[in-house]
Amino acid sequence: MKIIILHGDNTLESYERLQKFIDNAQSRSWEITRISNASQNIPEALVSTSLFDKEKFVVIENANLINKTTANWLKKNGSELNLTLIIYNQGILSQTFLKQLPKIDKVEEFKLPKLIWSFLDSCFPGNAKNALLLLHEIIKNEPVEFVFSLLAKHLRDLYWVKVDSPPGQRPSGPVAYPSWRVEKLKRQSHKFSEGSLEDLINSLAQADIKAKTSQGELIDLLDFIIATKLE
């Protein structure tokens, strides 16, 4: 079994890369299986035989779907499987998680530009002006929808560490962020109250609905939230 890891915070680039792998498999007429939810049994998907004796290509679309039991199964049985397995994750995978897997043939990490990290780090009460300046610098080169989704995810992560439920340890799955990332989130979360984070997350959710139902431009809605909630 050949294992390829695609992970990182730049989900635009990582998904484009994943699609290239899938397109390549399709062009070779490989049998493609995509695993995207917990109802799908990973070992069963890997050991099932192709009806037409085709090369197998399996994509696990969220690393959180690989629990410890599955990781142990992969280590025990991986060498007997004749297929290509791609493990895709929207976010950085920890070394602890990667070491649970059998031999990995290739790891590709997709990093966000430093300016985007500066913007996400700047989003805290009392820093609205700086956050807005960084936001408008970023959207000269990046889609505002992409930045919006990153901010929404970042605020959810801040909330989880605020309520002592580290990212990756929440109900959605067992894959943790690297320890340095969790500590950085904790430091930023201390600048918020639980209530203010909940309010921000709800405001973004409402803005998303308004933008999708043509009740406002996303950038204007985002500007207003930052200006009023982080003043």
C-alpha atoms as a PDB file:
ATOM      1  CA  MET A   1       0.000   0.000   0.000  1.00  0.00           C
ATOM      2  CA  LYS A   2       1.265   3.414  -0.963  1.00  0.00           C
ATOM      3  CA  ILE A   3       0.270   6.175   1.490  1.00  0.00           C
ATOM      4  CA  ILE A   4       0.180   9.868   0.575  1.00  0.00           C
ATOM      5  CA  ILE A   5      -0.655  12.550   3.150  1.00  0.00           C
ATOM      6  CA  LEU A   6      -2.134  15.892   2.072  1.00  0.00           C
ATOM      7  CA  HIS A   7      -2.633  18.284   4.974  1.00  0.00           C
ATOM      8  CA  GLY A   8      -2.354  21.911   6.037  1.00  0.00           C
ATOM      9  CA  ASP A   9      -4.326  25.066   6.672  1.00  0.00           C
ATOM     10  CA  ASN A  10      -4.327  26.261   3.064  1.00  0.00           C
ATOM     11  CA  THR A  11      -7.415  24.282   2.121  1.00  0.00           C
ATOM     12  CA  LEU A  12      -7.716  25.907  -1.312  1.00  0.00           C
ATOM     13  CA  GLU A  13      -4.335  24.616  -2.427  1.00  0.00           C
ATOM     14  CA  SER A  14      -4.620  21.263  -0.649  1.00  0.00           C
ATOM     15  CA  TYR A  15      -8.012  20.520  -2.228  1.00  0.00           C
ATOM     16  CA  GLU A  16      -6.731  21.476  -5.680  1.00  0.00           C
ATOM     17  CA  ARG A  17      -3.851  19.050  -5.153  1.00  0.00           C
ATOM     18  CA  LEU A  18      -6.239  16.312  -4.022  1.00  0.00           C
ATOM     19  CA  GLN A  19      -8.346  16.857  -7.123  1.00  0.00           C
ATOM     20  CA  LYS A  20      -5.253  16.486  -9.327  1.00  0.00           C
ATOM     21  CA  PHE A  21      -4.543  13.094  -7.759  1.00  0.00           C
ATOM     22  CA  ILE A  22      -8.172  12.049  -8.313  1.00  0.00           C
ATOM     23  CA  ASP A  23      -8.139  13.295 -11.917  1.00  0.00           C
ATOM     24  CA  ASN A  24      -4.939  11.339 -12.535  1.00  0.00           C
ATOM     25  CA  ALA A  25      -6.487   8.170 -11.087  1.00  0.00           C
ATOM     26  CA  GLN A  26      -9.566   8.656 -13.281  1.00  0.00           C
ATOM     27  CA  SER A  27      -7.417   9.106 -16.389  1.00  0.00           C
ATOM     28  CA  ARG A  28      -5.813   5.736 -15.609  1.00  0.00           C
ATOM     29  CA  SER A  29      -9.236   4.119 -15.089  1.00  0.00           C
ATOM     30  CA  TRP A  30      -8.443   3.209 -11.483  1.00  0.00           C
ATOM     31  CA  GLU A  31     -11.247   2.246  -9.115  1.00  0.00           C
ATOM     32  CA  ILE A  32     -11.770   5.264  -6.833  1.00  0.00           C
ATOM     33  CA  THR A  33     -13.295   5.041  -3.357  1.00  0.00           C
ATOM     34  CA  ARG A  34     -13.875   8.177  -1.292  1.00  0.00           C
ATOM     35  CA  ILE A  35     -14.432   7.850   2.461  1.00  0.00           C
ATOM     36  CA  SER A  36     -15.941  10.978   3.957  1.00  0.00           C
ATOM     37  CA  ASN A  37     -17.982   9.964   7.003  1.00  0.00           C
ATOM     38  CA  ALA A  38     -17.852   7.659  10.010  1.00  0.00           C
ATOM     39  CA  SER A  39     -20.567   5.369   8.649  1.00  0.00           C
ATOM     40  CA  GLN A  40     -18.075   4.036   6.099  1.00  0.00           C
ATOM     41  CA  ASN A  41     -15.865   1.218   7.347  1.00  0.00           C
ATOM     42  CA  ILE A  42     -12.264   1.963   6.364  1.00  0.00           C
ATOM     43  CA  PRO A  43     -10.852  -1.601   6.616  1.00  0.00           C
ATOM     44  CA  GLU A  44     -13.787  -2.947   4.576  1.00  0.00           C
ATOM     45  CA  ALA A  45     -13.254  -0.304   1.901  1.00  0.00           C
ATOM     46  CA  LEU A  46      -9.551  -1.140   1.689  1.00  0.00           C
ATOM     47  CA  VAL A  47      -9.867  -4.923   1.486  1.00  0.00           C
ATOM     48  CA  SER A  48     -12.848  -5.041  -0.894  1.00  0.00           C
ATOM     49  CA  THR A  49     -11.853  -6.432  -4.269  1.00  0.00           C
ATOM     50  CA  SER A  50     -12.345  -4.594  -7.520  1.00  0.00           C
ATOM     51  CA  LEU A  51     -15.101  -5.999  -9.725  1.00  0.00           C
ATOM     52  CA  PHE A  52     -13.037  -5.376 -12.842  1.00  0.00           C
ATOM     53  CA  ASP A  53      -9.565  -6.089 -11.439  1.00  0.00           C
ATOM     54  CA  LYS A  54      -8.649  -2.407 -11.553  1.00  0.00           C
ATOM     55  CA  GLU A  55      -5.967  -0.587  -9.566  1.00  0.00           C
ATOM     56  CA  LYS A  56      -7.522   0.702  -6.342  1.00  0.00           C
ATOM     57  CA  PHE A  57      -7.306   4.338  -5.261  1.00  0.00           C
ATOM     58  CA  VAL A  58      -8.801   5.235  -1.862  1.00  0.00           C
ATOM     59  CA  VAL A  59      -9.213   8.726  -0.414  1.00  0.00           C
ATOM     60  CA  ILE A  60      -9.930   9.287   3.288  1.00  0.00           C
ATOM     61  CA  GLU A  61     -11.247  12.838   3.229  1.00  0.00           C
ATOM     62  CA  ASN A  62     -10.837  13.589   6.929  1.00  0.00           C
ATOM     63  CA  ALA A  63      -8.016  12.247   9.104  1.00  0.00           C
ATOM     64  CA  ASN A  64     -10.377  12.330  12.096  1.00  0.00           C
ATOM     65  CA  LEU A  65     -12.014   9.238  10.591  1.00  0.00           C
ATOM     66  CA  ILE A  66      -8.879   7.255  11.435  1.00  0.00           C
ATOM     67  CA  ASN A  67      -9.144   6.262  15.091  1.00  0.00           C
ATOM     68  CA  LYS A  68      -6.529   4.302  17.013  1.00  0.00           C
ATOM     69  CA  THR A  69      -8.128   0.960  16.152  1.00  0.00           C
ATOM     70  CA  THR A  70      -8.072   1.773  12.439  1.00  0.00           C
ATOM     71  CA  ALA A  71      -4.489   3.054  12.636  1.00  0.00           C
ATOM     72  CA  ASN A  72      -3.412  -0.215  14.291  1.00  0.00           C
ATOM     73  CA  TRP A  73      -5.247  -2.184  11.603  1.00  0.00           C
ATOM     74  CA  LEU A  74      -3.443  -0.222   8.890  1.00  0.00           C
ATOM     75  CA  LYS A  75      -0.074  -0.926  10.494  1.00  0.00           C
ATOM     76  CA  LYS A  76      -0.828  -4.622  10.750  1.00  0.00           C
ATOM     77  CA  ASN A  77      -2.348  -5.133   7.305  1.00  0.00           C
ATOM     78  CA  GLY A  78      -1.048  -2.278   5.158  1.00  0.00           C
ATOM     79  CA  SER A  79       1.818  -4.220   3.596  1.00  0.00           C
ATOM     80  CA  GLU A  80      -0.638  -6.807   2.218  1.00  0.00           C
ATOM     81  CA  LEU A  81      -2.784  -4.244   0.401  1.00  0.00           C
ATOM     82  CA  ASN A  82      -2.158  -3.374  -3.239  1.00  0.00           C
ATOM     83  CA  LEU A  83      -3.561   0.134  -3.529  1.00  0.00           C
ATOM     84  CA  THR A  84      -2.877   3.846  -3.206  1.00  0.00           C
ATOM     85  CA  LEU A  85      -4.275   5.538  -0.100  1.00  0.00           C
ATOM     86  CA  ILE A  86      -4.543   9.311   0.213  1.00  0.00           C
ATOM     87  CA  ILE A  87      -5.263  10.753   3.649  1.00  0.00           C
ATOM     88  CA  TYR A  88      -6.536  14.293   3.262  1.00  0.00           C
ATOM     89  CA  ASN A  89      -6.963  16.720   6.150  1.00  0.00           C
ATOM     90  CA  GLN A  90      -8.042  20.350   6.361  1.00  0.00           C
ATOM     91  CA  GLY A  91      -5.492  21.395   8.952  1.00  0.00           C
ATOM     92  CA  ILE A  92      -2.032  20.419  10.126  1.00  0.00           C
ATOM     93  CA  LEU A  93      -1.639  16.841  11.346  1.00  0.00           C
ATOM     94  CA  SER A  94       0.500  16.239  14.411  1.00  0.00           C
ATOM     95  CA  GLN A  95       3.591  14.029  14.319  1.00  0.00           C
ATOM     96  CA  THR A  96       1.907  11.896  16.979  1.00  0.00           C
ATOM     97  CA  PHE A  97      -0.856  11.048  14.527  1.00  0.00           C
ATOM     98  CA  LEU A  98       1.490  10.473  11.582  1.00  0.00           C
ATOM     99  CA  LYS A  99       3.629   8.082  13.643  1.00  0.00           C
ATOM    100  CA  GLN A 100       0.561   5.890  14.251  1.00  0.00           C
ATOM    101  CA  LEU A 101       0.398   5.091  10.545  1.00  0.00           C
ATOM    102  CA  PRO A 102       2.377   2.544   8.504  1.00  0.00           C
ATOM    103  CA  LYS A 103       5.270   3.744   6.366  1.00  0.00           C
ATOM    104  CA  ILE A 104       4.224   6.944   4.589  1.00  0.00           C
ATOM    105  CA  ASP A 105       5.490   7.364   1.037  1.00  0.00           C
ATOM    106  CA  LYS A 106       4.842  11.085   0.670  1.00  0.00           C
ATOM    107  CA  VAL A 107       3.735  14.006   2.858  1.00  0.00           C
ATOM    108  CA  GLU A 108       2.639  17.314   1.347  1.00  0.00           C
ATOM    109  CA  GLU A 109       1.860  20.207   3.701  1.00  0.00           C
ATOM    110  CA  PHE A 110       0.015  23.285   2.460  1.00  0.00           C
ATOM    111  CA  LYS A 111       0.755  26.379   4.495  1.00  0.00           C
ATOM    112  CA  LEU A 112      -1.154  29.636   4.659  1.00  0.00           C
ATOM    113  CA  PRO A 113       0.613  32.892   3.749  1.00  0.00           C
ATOM    114  CA  LYS A 114       2.050  34.634   6.822  1.00  0.00           C
ATOM    115  CA  LEU A 115      -0.236  37.620   6.234  1.00  0.00           C
ATOM    116  CA  ILE A 116      -3.305  35.433   6.786  1.00  0.00           C
ATOM    117  CA  TRP A 117      -1.882  34.127  10.051  1.00  0.00           C
ATOM    118  CA  SER A 118      -1.202  37.712  11.098  1.00  0.00           C
ATOM    119  CA  PHE A 119      -4.850  38.532  10.410  1.00  0.00           C
ATOM    120  CA  LEU A 120      -6.184  35.548  12.361  1.00  0.00           C
ATOM    121  CA  ASP A 121      -3.864  36.348  15.272  1.00  0.00           C
ATOM    122  CA  SER A 122      -4.991  39.990  15.188  1.00  0.00           C
ATOM    123  CA  CYS A 123      -8.646  39.120  15.751  1.00  0.00           C
ATOM    124  CA  PHE A 124      -9.214  39.891  19.410  1.00  0.00           C
ATOM    125  CA  PRO A 125     -11.121  42.588  21.343  1.00  0.00           C
ATOM    126  CA  GLY A 126      -9.591  46.050  21.105  1.00  0.00           C
ATOM    127  CA  ASN A 127      -7.720  45.342  17.876  1.00  0.00           C
ATOM    128  CA  ALA A 128     -10.399  45.959  15.232  1.00  0.00           C
ATOM    129  CA  LYS A 129      -8.453  48.625  13.322  1.00  0.00           C
ATOM    130  CA  ASN A 130      -5.394  46.445  12.797  1.00  0.00           C
ATOM    131  CA  ALA A 131      -7.523  43.408  11.908  1.00  0.00           C
ATOM    132  CA  LEU A 132      -9.412  45.395   9.263  1.00  0.00           C
ATOM    133  CA  LEU A 133      -6.201  46.720   7.714  1.00  0.00           C
ATOM    134  CA  LEU A 134      -4.802  43.191   7.427  1.00  0.00           C
ATOM    135  CA  LEU A 135      -8.086  41.830   6.061  1.00  0.00           C
ATOM    136  CA  HIS A 136      -8.200  44.326   3.222  1.00  0.00           C
ATOM    137  CA  GLU A 137      -4.558  43.690   2.376  1.00  0.00           C
ATOM    138  CA  ILE A 138      -5.246  39.952   2.169  1.00  0.00           C
ATOM    139  CA  ILE A 139      -8.314  40.161  -0.073  1.00  0.00           C
ATOM    140  CA  LYS A 140      -6.244  41.886  -2.743  1.00  0.00           C
ATOM    141  CA  ASN A 141      -4.937  38.377  -3.515  1.00  0.00           C
ATOM    142  CA  GLU A 142      -7.260  35.913  -1.778  1.00  0.00           C
ATOM    143  CA  PRO A 143     -11.034  35.342  -2.136  1.00  0.00           C
ATOM    144  CA  VAL A 144     -12.935  36.890   0.766  1.00  0.00           C
ATOM    145  CA  GLU A 145     -14.966  33.662   1.029  1.00  0.00           C
ATOM    146  CA  PHE A 146     -11.760  31.735   1.741  1.00  0.00           C
ATOM    147  CA  VAL A 147     -10.642  34.202   4.414  1.00  0.00           C
ATOM    148  CA  PHE A 148     -14.123  34.153   5.943  1.00  0.00           C
ATOM    149  CA  SER A 149     -14.085  30.353   6.226  1.00  0.00           C
ATOM    150  CA  LEU A 150     -10.633  30.430   7.832  1.00  0.00           C
ATOM    151  CA  LEU A 151     -11.758  33.007  10.389  1.00  0.00           C
ATOM    152  CA  ALA A 152     -14.881  30.987  11.224  1.00  0.00           C
ATOM    153  CA  LYS A 153     -12.783  27.854  11.776  1.00  0.00           C
ATOM    154  CA  HIS A 154     -10.209  29.792  13.807  1.00  0.00           C
ATOM    155  CA  LEU A 155     -12.880  31.223  16.107  1.00  0.00           C
ATOM    156  CA  ARG A 156     -14.360  27.761  16.640  1.00  0.00           C
ATOM    157  CA  ASP A 157     -10.899  26.510  17.607  1.00  0.00           C
ATOM    158  CA  LEU A 158     -10.497  29.413  20.032  1.00  0.00           C
ATOM    159  CA  TYR A 159     -13.847  28.511  21.566  1.00  0.00           C
ATOM    160  CA  TRP A 160     -12.910  24.854  21.992  1.00  0.00           C
ATOM    161  CA  VAL A 161      -9.663  25.658  23.805  1.00  0.00           C
ATOM    162  CA  LYS A 162     -11.505  28.270  25.869  1.00  0.00           C
ATOM    163  CA  VAL A 163     -13.866  25.599  27.185  1.00  0.00           C
ATOM    164  CA  ASP A 164     -10.957  23.162  27.710  1.00  0.00           C
ATOM    165  CA  SER A 165     -11.691  20.936  24.742  1.00  0.00           C
ATOM    166  CA  PRO A 166      -8.537  21.069  22.573  1.00  0.00           C
ATOM    167  CA  PRO A 167      -8.981  21.066  18.782  1.00  0.00           C
ATOM    168  CA  GLY A 168      -9.095  17.485  17.567  1.00  0.00           C
ATOM    169  CA  GLN A 169     -10.211  16.196  20.979  1.00  0.00           C
ATOM    170  CA  ARG A 170     -13.773  17.353  20.369  1.00  0.00           C
ATOM    171  CA  PRO A 171     -16.540  14.928  19.354  1.00  0.00           C
ATOM    172  CA  SER A 172     -15.665  15.194  15.654  1.00  0.00           C
ATOM    173  CA  GLY A 173     -12.494  13.139  16.034  1.00  0.00           C
ATOM    174  CA  PRO A 174      -9.288  12.229  17.829  1.00  0.00           C
ATOM    175  CA  VAL A 175      -6.679  13.996  15.708  1.00  0.00           C
ATOM    176  CA  ALA A 176      -5.024  16.764  17.712  1.00  0.00           C
ATOM    177  CA  TYR A 177      -3.228  19.834  16.449  1.00  0.00           C
ATOM    178  CA  PRO A 178       0.484  20.071  17.208  1.00  0.00           C
ATOM    179  CA  SER A 179       1.071  21.165  20.825  1.00  0.00           C
ATOM    180  CA  TRP A 180       2.566  24.527  19.777  1.00  0.00           C
ATOM    181  CA  ARG A 181      -0.611  25.313  17.857  1.00  0.00           C
ATOM    182  CA  VAL A 182      -2.848  24.489  20.815  1.00  0.00           C
ATOM    183  CA  GLU A 183      -0.762  26.689  23.127  1.00  0.00           C
ATOM    184  CA  LYS A 184      -0.963  29.572  20.677  1.00  0.00           C
ATOM    185  CA  LEU A 185      -4.737  29.204  20.492  1.00  0.00           C
ATOM    186  CA  LYS A 186      -4.955  29.154  24.280  1.00  0.00           C
ATOM    187  CA  ARG A 187      -3.049  32.432  24.552  1.00  0.00           C
ATOM    188  CA  GLN A 188      -5.359  34.132  22.065  1.00  0.00           C
ATOM    189  CA  SER A 189      -8.491  32.648  23.651  1.00  0.00           C
ATOM    190  CA  HIS A 190      -7.585  34.292  26.977  1.00  0.00           C
ATOM    191  CA  LYS A 191      -8.343  37.652  25.326  1.00  0.00           C
ATOM    192  CA  PHE A 192     -11.999  36.641  24.920  1.00  0.00           C
ATOM    193  CA  SER A 193     -14.798  35.629  27.228  1.00  0.00           C
ATOM    194  CA  GLU A 194     -16.774  32.505  26.356  1.00  0.00           C
ATOM    195  CA  GLY A 195     -19.780  34.673  25.641  1.00  0.00           C
ATOM    196  CA  SER A 196     -17.930  36.996  23.279  1.00  0.00           C
ATOM    197  CA  LEU A 197     -16.609  34.057  21.257  1.00  0.00           C
ATOM    198  CA  GLU A 198     -20.082  32.544  21.039  1.00  0.00           C
ATOM    199  CA  ASP A 199     -21.428  35.913  19.892  1.00  0.00           C
ATOM    200  CA  LEU A 200     -18.734  36.249  17.221  1.00  0.00           C
ATOM    201  CA  ILE A 201     -19.308  32.725  15.920  1.00  0.00           C
ATOM    202  CA  ASN A 202     -23.062  33.323  15.741  1.00  0.00           C
ATOM    203  CA  SER A 203     -22.517  36.662  13.980  1.00  0.00           C
ATOM    204  CA  LEU A 204     -20.375  34.987  11.324  1.00  0.00           C
ATOM    205  CA  ALA A 205     -23.004  32.287  10.829  1.00  0.00           C
ATOM    206  CA  GLN A 206     -25.664  34.945  10.282  1.00  0.00           C
ATOM    207  CA  ALA A 207     -23.391  36.849   7.893  1.00  0.00           C
ATOM    208  CA  ASP A 208     -22.831  33.671   5.897  1.00  0.00           C
ATOM    209  CA  ILE A 209     -26.588  33.190   5.512  1.00  0.00           C
ATOM    210  CA  LYS A 210     -27.109  36.824   4.498  1.00  0.00           C
ATOM    211  CA  ALA A 211     -24.338  36.678   1.897  1.00  0.00           C
ATOM    212  CA  LYS A 212     -25.691  33.439   0.419  1.00  0.00           C
ATOM    213  CA  THR A 213     -29.232  34.842   0.241  1.00  0.00           C
ATOM    214  CA  SER A 214     -28.135  38.133  -1.372  1.00  0.00           C
ATOM    215  CA  GLN A 215     -28.876  40.209   1.731  1.00  0.00           C
ATOM    216  CA  GLY A 216     -25.437  41.790   1.748  1.00  0.00           C
ATOM    217  CA  GLU A 217     -21.892  41.622   0.397  1.00  0.00           C
ATOM    218  CA  LEU A 218     -19.702  39.275   2.429  1.00  0.00           C
ATOM    219  CA  ILE A 219     -16.839  41.753   2.787  1.00  0.00           C
ATOM    220  CA  ASP A 220     -19.202  44.464   4.075  1.00  0.00           C
ATOM    221  CA  LEU A 221     -20.752  42.062   6.567  1.00  0.00           C
ATOM    222  CA  LEU A 222     -17.317  40.928   7.734  1.00  0.00           C
ATOM    223  CA  ASP A 223     -16.100  44.521   8.069  1.00  0.00           C
ATOM    224  CA  PHE A 224     -19.114  45.336  10.237  1.00  0.00           C
ATOM    225  CA  ILE A 225     -18.592  42.318  12.508  1.00  0.00           C
ATOM    226  CA  ILE A 226     -14.915  43.086  13.071  1.00  0.00           C
ATOM    227  CA  ALA A 227     -15.541  46.799  13.597  1.00  0.00           C
ATOM    228  CA  THR A 228     -18.331  46.237  16.135  1.00  0.00           C
ATOM    229  CA  LYS A 229     -17.356  42.994  17.875  1.00  0.00           C
ATOM    230  CA  LEU A 230     -13.612  43.639  18.187  1.00  0.00           C
ATOM    231  CA  GLU A 231     -13.705  47.374  18.900  1.00  0.00           C
END
